[in-house]
Amino acid sequence: MIARELTKPSQQQFKQMVAILLESFWKTPLFHGYLFPGKKALARHFLTALLRYGVGAGRTFVMEDAGRIVACALWSLPGVPAFGVRTYLRFGMWPNMLAIALASPAAMGRIQGFLRMLEENAPHMPCANLEYLASIKRGAGAALVRASMRVFHGMTLHVESIVSKDDHAFYRQFGFIPFARTNFHGTDYAFMLIAPGKEILD
């Protein structure tokens, strides 16, 4: 497997990453039970918008196996623009966000509440944020986290861990330490930091 950064993904690579994100995050109660109950197409729109934001405003890393993407990691950078109409227009997110708003205003309201919760629990310091990690091959996600973390050596790193208690333990292996925790509509949400200069575990 080979890890690399994608600055300008092809249409095929973009579709592969959306499919991986959807397969991973649709399994979570946050997505299929709260944000988009029973509406997988809306989750696809949201994750497509997030990927457009990640490619445009942050840094996107992938793990490839035999030329096919098997994991992706979306990192945001300090000072990235907040979500809103200007950001949707700037990064080409607006068709997906508009589709959600038209199909389900209630879902859009839940998204806004979700984003507010993330903002309220964000660390009060500049940091690189691992926004989304998704994998369809065992071991690929962990290998990609290690590879991408090295790019941000010397920076404070932040991750939002939502999937399960096992997910929280997953991030601990890289040195992330919880600094805040909340229950968001049945989801055990942990906010974790790793201090700059801390050795990255292999």
C-alpha atoms as a PDB file:
ATOM      1  CA  MET A   1       0.000   0.000   0.000  1.00  0.00           C
ATOM      2  CA  ILE A   2       1.159   3.518  -0.805  1.00  0.00           C
ATOM      3  CA  ALA A   3       0.176   6.712   1.035  1.00  0.00           C
ATOM      4  CA  ARG A   4       0.187  10.039  -0.774  1.00  0.00           C
ATOM      5  CA  GLU A   5      -1.404  13.454  -0.799  1.00  0.00           C
ATOM      6  CA  LEU A   6      -3.983  14.308  -3.448  1.00  0.00           C
ATOM      7  CA  THR A   7      -4.104  17.991  -4.355  1.00  0.00           C
ATOM      8  CA  LYS A   8      -6.199  17.655  -7.503  1.00  0.00           C
ATOM      9  CA  PRO A   9      -8.075  14.339  -7.444  1.00  0.00           C
ATOM     10  CA  SER A  10      -9.426  13.066 -10.723  1.00  0.00           C
ATOM     11  CA  GLN A  11     -13.165  12.546 -11.087  1.00  0.00           C
ATOM     12  CA  GLN A  12     -12.658   8.812 -10.552  1.00  0.00           C
ATOM     13  CA  GLN A  13     -10.542   9.364  -7.431  1.00  0.00           C
ATOM     14  CA  PHE A  14     -13.127  11.793  -6.062  1.00  0.00           C
ATOM     15  CA  LYS A  15     -15.912   9.239  -6.579  1.00  0.00           C
ATOM     16  CA  GLN A  16     -13.834   6.532  -4.890  1.00  0.00           C
ATOM     17  CA  MET A  17     -13.309   8.746  -1.848  1.00  0.00           C
ATOM     18  CA  VAL A  18     -17.005   9.651  -1.603  1.00  0.00           C
ATOM     19  CA  ALA A  19     -17.879   5.945  -1.751  1.00  0.00           C
ATOM     20  CA  ILE A  20     -15.371   5.130   1.019  1.00  0.00           C
ATOM     21  CA  LEU A  21     -16.614   7.988   3.217  1.00  0.00           C
ATOM     22  CA  LEU A  22     -20.231   6.930   2.705  1.00  0.00           C
ATOM     23  CA  GLU A  23     -19.526   3.277   3.455  1.00  0.00           C
ATOM     24  CA  SER A  24     -17.747   4.219   6.667  1.00  0.00           C
ATOM     25  CA  PHE A  25     -19.949   6.996   8.023  1.00  0.00           C
ATOM     26  CA  TRP A  26     -23.368   5.685   7.033  1.00  0.00           C
ATOM     27  CA  LYS A  27     -22.762   2.869   9.532  1.00  0.00           C
ATOM     28  CA  THR A  28     -22.654   5.348  12.416  1.00  0.00           C
ATOM     29  CA  PRO A  29     -25.831   6.190  14.372  1.00  0.00           C
ATOM     30  CA  LEU A  30     -24.970   9.878  13.965  1.00  0.00           C
ATOM     31  CA  PHE A  31     -25.457   9.627  10.211  1.00  0.00           C
ATOM     32  CA  HIS A  32     -28.169   7.000   9.672  1.00  0.00           C
ATOM     33  CA  GLY A  33     -30.062   7.609  12.895  1.00  0.00           C
ATOM     34  CA  TYR A  34     -29.870  11.343  13.528  1.00  0.00           C
ATOM     35  CA  LEU A  35     -28.575  13.557  10.718  1.00  0.00           C
ATOM     36  CA  PHE A  36     -30.177  11.706   7.804  1.00  0.00           C
ATOM     37  CA  PRO A  37     -32.534   9.035   9.195  1.00  0.00           C
ATOM     38  CA  GLY A  38     -33.075   6.511   6.418  1.00  0.00           C
ATOM     39  CA  LYS A  39     -31.919   8.952   3.721  1.00  0.00           C
ATOM     40  CA  LYS A  40     -28.588   7.703   2.471  1.00  0.00           C
ATOM     41  CA  ALA A  41     -28.687   9.977  -0.591  1.00  0.00           C
ATOM     42  CA  LEU A  42     -28.616  13.032   1.681  1.00  0.00           C
ATOM     43  CA  ALA A  43     -25.624  11.609   3.543  1.00  0.00           C
ATOM     44  CA  ARG A  44     -23.886  11.198   0.180  1.00  0.00           C
ATOM     45  CA  HIS A  45     -24.569  14.857  -0.638  1.00  0.00           C
ATOM     46  CA  PHE A  46     -23.173  15.958   2.735  1.00  0.00           C
ATOM     47  CA  LEU A  47     -20.019  13.855   2.462  1.00  0.00           C
ATOM     48  CA  THR A  48     -19.485  15.025  -1.121  1.00  0.00           C
ATOM     49  CA  ALA A  49     -19.680  18.618   0.103  1.00  0.00           C
ATOM     50  CA  LEU A  50     -17.255  17.858   2.942  1.00  0.00           C
ATOM     51  CA  LEU A  51     -14.809  16.292   0.503  1.00  0.00           C
ATOM     52  CA  ARG A  52     -14.990  19.353  -1.761  1.00  0.00           C
ATOM     53  CA  TYR A  53     -14.257  21.481   1.295  1.00  0.00           C
ATOM     54  CA  GLY A  54     -11.406  19.203   2.350  1.00  0.00           C
ATOM     55  CA  VAL A  55      -9.750  19.291  -1.067  1.00  0.00           C
ATOM     56  CA  GLY A  56     -10.187  23.046  -1.400  1.00  0.00           C
ATOM     57  CA  ALA A  57      -9.509  24.287   2.129  1.00  0.00           C
ATOM     58  CA  GLY A  58      -7.337  21.579   3.662  1.00  0.00           C
ATOM     59  CA  ARG A  59      -5.145  18.646   2.734  1.00  0.00           C
ATOM     60  CA  THR A  60      -6.370  15.278   1.512  1.00  0.00           C
ATOM     61  CA  PHE A  61      -4.372  12.070   1.854  1.00  0.00           C
ATOM     62  CA  VAL A  62      -5.125   8.634   0.432  1.00  0.00           C
ATOM     63  CA  MET A  63      -3.854   5.109   0.795  1.00  0.00           C
ATOM     64  CA  GLU A  64      -3.733   3.192  -2.469  1.00  0.00           C
ATOM     65  CA  ASP A  65      -3.554  -0.542  -3.008  1.00  0.00           C
ATOM     66  CA  ALA A  66      -2.955  -1.820  -6.541  1.00  0.00           C
ATOM     67  CA  GLY A  67      -3.831   1.623  -7.877  1.00  0.00           C
ATOM     68  CA  ARG A  68      -7.179   1.873  -6.080  1.00  0.00           C
ATOM     69  CA  ILE A  69      -7.931   4.140  -3.109  1.00  0.00           C
ATOM     70  CA  VAL A  70      -8.692   2.106   0.023  1.00  0.00           C
ATOM     71  CA  ALA A  71      -8.552   4.871   2.653  1.00  0.00           C
ATOM     72  CA  CYS A  72      -8.742   8.653   2.793  1.00  0.00           C
ATOM     73  CA  ALA A  73      -7.968  11.250   5.445  1.00  0.00           C
ATOM     74  CA  LEU A  74      -9.258  14.820   5.264  1.00  0.00           C
ATOM     75  CA  TRP A  75      -7.309  17.377   7.299  1.00  0.00           C
ATOM     76  CA  SER A  76      -8.266  21.012   7.808  1.00  0.00           C
ATOM     77  CA  LEU A  77      -5.681  23.700   8.514  1.00  0.00           C
ATOM     78  CA  PRO A  78      -5.576  26.602  10.982  1.00  0.00           C
ATOM     79  CA  GLY A  79      -7.644  29.530   9.785  1.00  0.00           C
ATOM     80  CA  VAL A  80      -9.873  27.628   7.355  1.00  0.00           C
ATOM     81  CA  PRO A  81     -13.131  29.434   6.534  1.00  0.00           C
ATOM     82  CA  ALA A  82     -16.214  28.518   8.537  1.00  0.00           C
ATOM     83  CA  PHE A  83     -19.148  26.796   6.870  1.00  0.00           C
ATOM     84  CA  GLY A  84     -21.673  29.192   5.371  1.00  0.00           C
ATOM     85  CA  VAL A  85     -22.994  30.406   2.039  1.00  0.00           C
ATOM     86  CA  ARG A  86     -19.714  32.069   1.021  1.00  0.00           C
ATOM     87  CA  THR A  87     -17.768  28.905   1.771  1.00  0.00           C
ATOM     88  CA  TYR A  88     -20.328  26.763  -0.079  1.00  0.00           C
ATOM     89  CA  LEU A  89     -19.914  28.978  -3.141  1.00  0.00           C
ATOM     90  CA  ARG A  90     -16.131  29.278  -2.909  1.00  0.00           C
ATOM     91  CA  PHE A  91     -15.446  25.544  -2.748  1.00  0.00           C
ATOM     92  CA  GLY A  92     -18.257  24.290  -4.984  1.00  0.00           C
ATOM     93  CA  MET A  93     -20.210  22.771  -2.100  1.00  0.00           C
ATOM     94  CA  TRP A  94     -23.418  24.644  -2.867  1.00  0.00           C
ATOM     95  CA  PRO A  95     -25.112  22.090  -5.189  1.00  0.00           C
ATOM     96  CA  ASN A  96     -24.895  19.392  -2.504  1.00  0.00           C
ATOM     97  CA  MET A  97     -25.908  21.640   0.378  1.00  0.00           C
ATOM     98  CA  LEU A  98     -28.781  23.072  -1.684  1.00  0.00           C
ATOM     99  CA  ALA A  99     -29.953  19.541  -2.528  1.00  0.00           C
ATOM    100  CA  ILE A 100     -30.078  18.710   1.190  1.00  0.00           C
ATOM    101  CA  ALA A 101     -31.919  21.935   2.040  1.00  0.00           C
ATOM    102  CA  LEU A 102     -34.531  21.375  -0.665  1.00  0.00           C
ATOM    103  CA  ALA A 103     -35.067  17.697   0.135  1.00  0.00           C
ATOM    104  CA  SER A 104     -35.121  18.085   3.914  1.00  0.00           C
ATOM    105  CA  PRO A 105     -34.983  21.452   5.698  1.00  0.00           C
ATOM    106  CA  ALA A 106     -35.047  19.466   8.952  1.00  0.00           C
ATOM    107  CA  ALA A 107     -31.840  17.656   7.970  1.00  0.00           C
ATOM    108  CA  MET A 108     -30.196  20.997   7.211  1.00  0.00           C
ATOM    109  CA  GLY A 109     -31.202  22.203  10.674  1.00  0.00           C
ATOM    110  CA  ARG A 110     -29.657  19.102  12.226  1.00  0.00           C
ATOM    111  CA  ILE A 111     -26.447  19.684  10.249  1.00  0.00           C
ATOM    112  CA  GLN A 112     -26.264  23.243  11.567  1.00  0.00           C
ATOM    113  CA  GLY A 113     -26.701  21.972  15.128  1.00  0.00           C
ATOM    114  CA  PHE A 114     -23.983  19.395  14.532  1.00  0.00           C
ATOM    115  CA  LEU A 115     -21.582  22.048  13.217  1.00  0.00           C
ATOM    116  CA  ARG A 116     -22.334  24.305  16.206  1.00  0.00           C
ATOM    117  CA  MET A 117     -21.520  21.453  18.572  1.00  0.00           C
ATOM    118  CA  LEU A 118     -18.178  20.904  16.824  1.00  0.00           C
ATOM    119  CA  GLU A 119     -17.365  24.614  17.028  1.00  0.00           C
ATOM    120  CA  GLU A 120     -18.246  24.784  20.727  1.00  0.00           C
ATOM    121  CA  ASN A 121     -15.895  21.888  21.496  1.00  0.00           C
ATOM    122  CA  ALA A 122     -13.025  22.940  19.236  1.00  0.00           C
ATOM    123  CA  PRO A 123      -9.669  23.610  20.909  1.00  0.00           C
ATOM    124  CA  HIS A 124      -8.849  27.274  21.446  1.00  0.00           C
ATOM    125  CA  MET A 125      -5.536  27.142  19.634  1.00  0.00           C
ATOM    126  CA  PRO A 126      -4.330  26.843  16.036  1.00  0.00           C
ATOM    127  CA  CYS A 127      -4.193  23.199  15.012  1.00  0.00           C
ATOM    128  CA  ALA A 128      -4.426  20.804  12.116  1.00  0.00           C
ATOM    129  CA  ASN A 129      -7.681  18.891  12.412  1.00  0.00           C
ATOM    130  CA  LEU A 130      -8.212  15.350  11.143  1.00  0.00           C
ATOM    131  CA  GLU A 131     -11.814  15.940  10.091  1.00  0.00           C
ATOM    132  CA  TYR A 132     -12.655  12.605   8.500  1.00  0.00           C
ATOM    133  CA  LEU A 133     -10.884   9.276   8.189  1.00  0.00           C
ATOM    134  CA  ALA A 134     -12.420   6.390   6.270  1.00  0.00           C
ATOM    135  CA  SER A 135     -11.069   3.022   5.193  1.00  0.00           C
ATOM    136  CA  ILE A 136     -12.292  -0.110   3.414  1.00  0.00           C
ATOM    137  CA  LYS A 137      -9.138  -2.184   3.991  1.00  0.00           C
ATOM    138  CA  ARG A 138      -7.926  -3.432   7.345  1.00  0.00           C
ATOM    139  CA  GLY A 139      -4.852  -1.536   8.507  1.00  0.00           C
ATOM    140  CA  ALA A 140      -5.061   1.079   5.765  1.00  0.00           C
ATOM    141  CA  GLY A 141      -6.640   3.735   7.965  1.00  0.00           C
ATOM    142  CA  ALA A 142      -4.021   3.448  10.702  1.00  0.00           C
ATOM    143  CA  ALA A 143      -1.189   3.485   8.183  1.00  0.00           C
ATOM    144  CA  LEU A 144      -2.648   6.584   6.545  1.00  0.00           C
ATOM    145  CA  VAL A 145      -3.008   8.410   9.869  1.00  0.00           C
ATOM    146  CA  ARG A 146       0.660   7.754  10.636  1.00  0.00           C
ATOM    147  CA  ALA A 147       1.794   8.908   7.196  1.00  0.00           C
ATOM    148  CA  SER A 148      -0.318  12.061   7.163  1.00  0.00           C
ATOM    149  CA  MET A 149       0.567  13.053  10.750  1.00  0.00           C
ATOM    150  CA  ARG A 150       4.214  13.344   9.765  1.00  0.00           C
ATOM    151  CA  VAL A 151       3.344  16.146   7.368  1.00  0.00           C
ATOM    152  CA  PHE A 152       2.128  18.223  10.323  1.00  0.00           C
ATOM    153  CA  HIS A 153       5.152  17.634  12.550  1.00  0.00           C
ATOM    154  CA  GLY A 154       5.498  20.428  15.108  1.00  0.00           C
ATOM    155  CA  MET A 155       1.832  21.421  14.956  1.00  0.00           C
ATOM    156  CA  THR A 156      -0.883  20.738  17.483  1.00  0.00           C
ATOM    157  CA  LEU A 157      -3.104  18.014  16.050  1.00  0.00           C
ATOM    158  CA  HIS A 158      -6.816  17.593  16.770  1.00  0.00           C
ATOM    159  CA  VAL A 159      -9.259  14.813  15.973  1.00  0.00           C
ATOM    160  CA  GLU A 160     -12.979  14.374  16.550  1.00  0.00           C
ATOM    161  CA  SER A 161     -13.725  10.749  17.370  1.00  0.00           C
ATOM    162  CA  ILE A 162     -17.344   9.665  16.903  1.00  0.00           C
ATOM    163  CA  VAL A 163     -17.700   6.059  15.875  1.00  0.00           C
ATOM    164  CA  SER A 164     -17.352   4.069  19.090  1.00  0.00           C
ATOM    165  CA  LYS A 165     -15.288   3.586  22.210  1.00  0.00           C
ATOM    166  CA  ASP A 166     -13.026   1.410  20.071  1.00  0.00           C
ATOM    167  CA  ASP A 167     -12.591   4.422  17.800  1.00  0.00           C
ATOM    168  CA  HIS A 168     -11.432   6.491  20.771  1.00  0.00           C
ATOM    169  CA  ALA A 169      -8.875   3.802  21.585  1.00  0.00           C
ATOM    170  CA  PHE A 170      -7.807   3.775  17.928  1.00  0.00           C
ATOM    171  CA  TYR A 171      -6.680   7.397  18.132  1.00  0.00           C
ATOM    172  CA  ARG A 172      -4.963   6.933  21.489  1.00  0.00           C
ATOM    173  CA  GLN A 173      -2.399   4.658  19.795  1.00  0.00           C
ATOM    174  CA  PHE A 174      -1.071   7.684  17.879  1.00  0.00           C
ATOM    175  CA  GLY A 175      -0.732   9.818  21.015  1.00  0.00           C
ATOM    176  CA  PHE A 176      -4.069  11.654  20.945  1.00  0.00           C
ATOM    177  CA  ILE A 177      -5.432  12.462  24.401  1.00  0.00           C
ATOM    178  CA  PRO A 178      -9.093  13.402  25.092  1.00  0.00           C
ATOM    179  CA  PHE A 179      -9.602  16.979  26.260  1.00  0.00           C
ATOM    180  CA  ALA A 180     -13.397  17.132  25.956  1.00  0.00           C
ATOM    181  CA  ARG A 181     -16.255  14.694  25.639  1.00  0.00           C
ATOM    182  CA  THR A 182     -19.966  14.955  24.994  1.00  0.00           C
ATOM    183  CA  ASN A 183     -22.966  12.845  24.071  1.00  0.00           C
ATOM    184  CA  PHE A 184     -24.490  14.202  20.895  1.00  0.00           C
ATOM    185  CA  HIS A 185     -27.870  12.579  20.165  1.00  0.00           C
ATOM    186  CA  GLY A 186     -26.700   9.166  21.315  1.00  0.00           C
ATOM    187  CA  THR A 187     -23.187   9.412  19.896  1.00  0.00           C
ATOM    188  CA  ASP A 188     -20.229   9.197  22.271  1.00  0.00           C
ATOM    189  CA  TYR A 189     -18.147  12.081  20.964  1.00  0.00           C
ATOM    190  CA  ALA A 190     -14.529  12.597  22.077  1.00  0.00           C
ATOM    191  CA  PHE A 191     -12.288  15.523  21.190  1.00  0.00           C
ATOM    192  CA  MET A 192      -8.620  14.592  21.268  1.00  0.00           C
ATOM    193  CA  LEU A 193      -5.318  16.456  20.969  1.00  0.00           C
ATOM    194  CA  ILE A 194      -1.693  15.588  20.478  1.00  0.00           C
ATOM    195  CA  ALA A 195       0.881  18.149  21.553  1.00  0.00           C
ATOM    196  CA  PRO A 196       3.431  19.492  19.051  1.00  0.00           C
ATOM    197  CA  GLY A 197       6.704  17.640  18.895  1.00  0.00           C
ATOM    198  CA  LYS A 198       5.313  14.470  20.486  1.00  0.00           C
ATOM    199  CA  GLU A 199       6.823  11.354  18.969  1.00  0.00           C
ATOM    200  CA  ILE A 200       4.539   9.669  16.454  1.00  0.00           C
ATOM    201  CA  LEU A 201       4.211   6.005  17.307  1.00  0.00           C
ATOM    202  CA  ASP A 202       5.083   3.379  14.686  1.00  0.00           C
END
